Amino acid sequence: MRLALAPALTPDGVDDRPAFFRGTVAHPQVLARALVTLADITSTRYFQYAATPPSDPVVTASGDRLRFECFSACHGVYARLDVLREGLGGGTVAYGTTNVDLGTGIRTALSTLGRSDLLPLALGTDDDRPQPAGRAVEMPHRWVTALGNAAELQLDLEEAFTVPAAGARAFLAALPAATGSARASWLSASRGTVRLGARRTPGAVNVAGLHRLSALKRMLTHATGLSVHATQADQGPTAVVLHLLGARLTLGLTDELWRTHSAQGALRAALVVPGVVEHAEAVAMQLGFESALDVAALAAGAGIRVDDVRAALPVLAAAGRVGWDLTDSAFFHRELPDDPDRVDRSNPRLVAARGLVAADAVEGHPEPDAWLVRSTRAPGQQYLVRHRDGWRCTCAWYLRHGTSRGPCKHALAVALATGAVTDVGDTEG
């Protein structure tokens, strides 16, 4: 089976006719159904349910594995299929990033693959034969920002529990359909099974919209285990990793059903550290589509400190140029179309904060750990910013959102002006 690719970004530049893999697949039906699962997700709007035309997943070839990434039509679900070396029976994996065609024709062919059928796979083309006729393969524009935000949201997740094959399959069988009610559930592990509860219990994880995991039901008979990752907060983003033969399928969910990855505008404290952008550019020059980035090697190659690399990687993540693998606890490199202004557009509060600093709008206050920030839009208007056990501000934005979406532009301006970057945390658009 040949899957068409869009022109790819590779170590040698743009390749109009990329060939990422040609060979056999160790577990054909596992791969076939997992790819169809991705197609299901891209064509489903889980918030205010609706079926939509499918989009083309991003595929990254890293020499030892293939990674397929996509988002649901509502952008509330991030999905990634990692096909590991042991899942690729024979053949060479190249290096690069592009989009792959998982349109209706391919989906139908994959859906009919039997348990004993073989699957010779060609990902792209390495000869002069024409690509199969069909729709254009392209990168959805909003995915570029969403990929960066997905990595940012998952950086703080920790493994809550893991269950073996039997528990994983029972959980998948009990999942509601994509059209089901958007109820929140508390998940916990008990004797190798996943328990669903309406209330929090010790060690339980809150999942908003359990029906957003419904696409995993297709993989029920192939599950070898399941891991749940979450934050320490009562409510936050979550991720479910389904373990398969030679592969992993990760679904990341936003903390609210209506909230999208493309509008998160994730921003870490590193973005306000002096010199971090320059360090990120130096690190980017060392990237070569590695499946797991070596921080020490990057520091040596870029000629900067290990701590500088650690601060720079979230900046590259915000730009979508590196992703985060929960299972490996490591960044991986993917390459997206270059856009130096992407991080600024995704973080308008950071841009506004820089404007306040440039206008010399931050001044001291007699109260300890407090500052006044003058409005550049409303003459005479000032906001009081405090930094005690977190950021506080008297502006309307803070009164509306509190700290649930990170600091306001006035707090960011104080952080930039004073160097008080500790505990800035993540911000959303």
Foldseek 3Di string as FASTA:
>chain_A
DEWAWAFWQAPVGTHRFDWFKWAWFPFQLLVLLLLLLQQQQQQWQLVVTDGHFHAWWKWFFAFFWIKTWDHGVLQQKIKIKIQGNQRGPDITGGGTMTTIDPGDVVNVVSVPDDRPDIDGYIYTDDDDDDDDDDDDHHDDPLVQQLQLLLQLQCLQKDWLDKAFLVQVLVVLVPQDASPDDFAKWWWDDDPRHIDTDPDDDPSTAIDTRSNSCNSCNSCNVFFGMKIKIDHPDNFAKIKMWTDGRSMIMMMIGGRYSNDHSSQFLKDFLLVLAPPLVVLLVLLVVVARQHPFDDLVVSCVSSVHDSVSSVSNVSVCSSSSQWHADNVVRGIGGHDDPDDVCSSCVSHVLLVVLVVQVVVVQWAPDPDPQKIWGQDPVDPPDIKIWHQDVHIDIPDPVCVVCPCVFFDGSPVSNCCNNPVVSPPSGIHGD
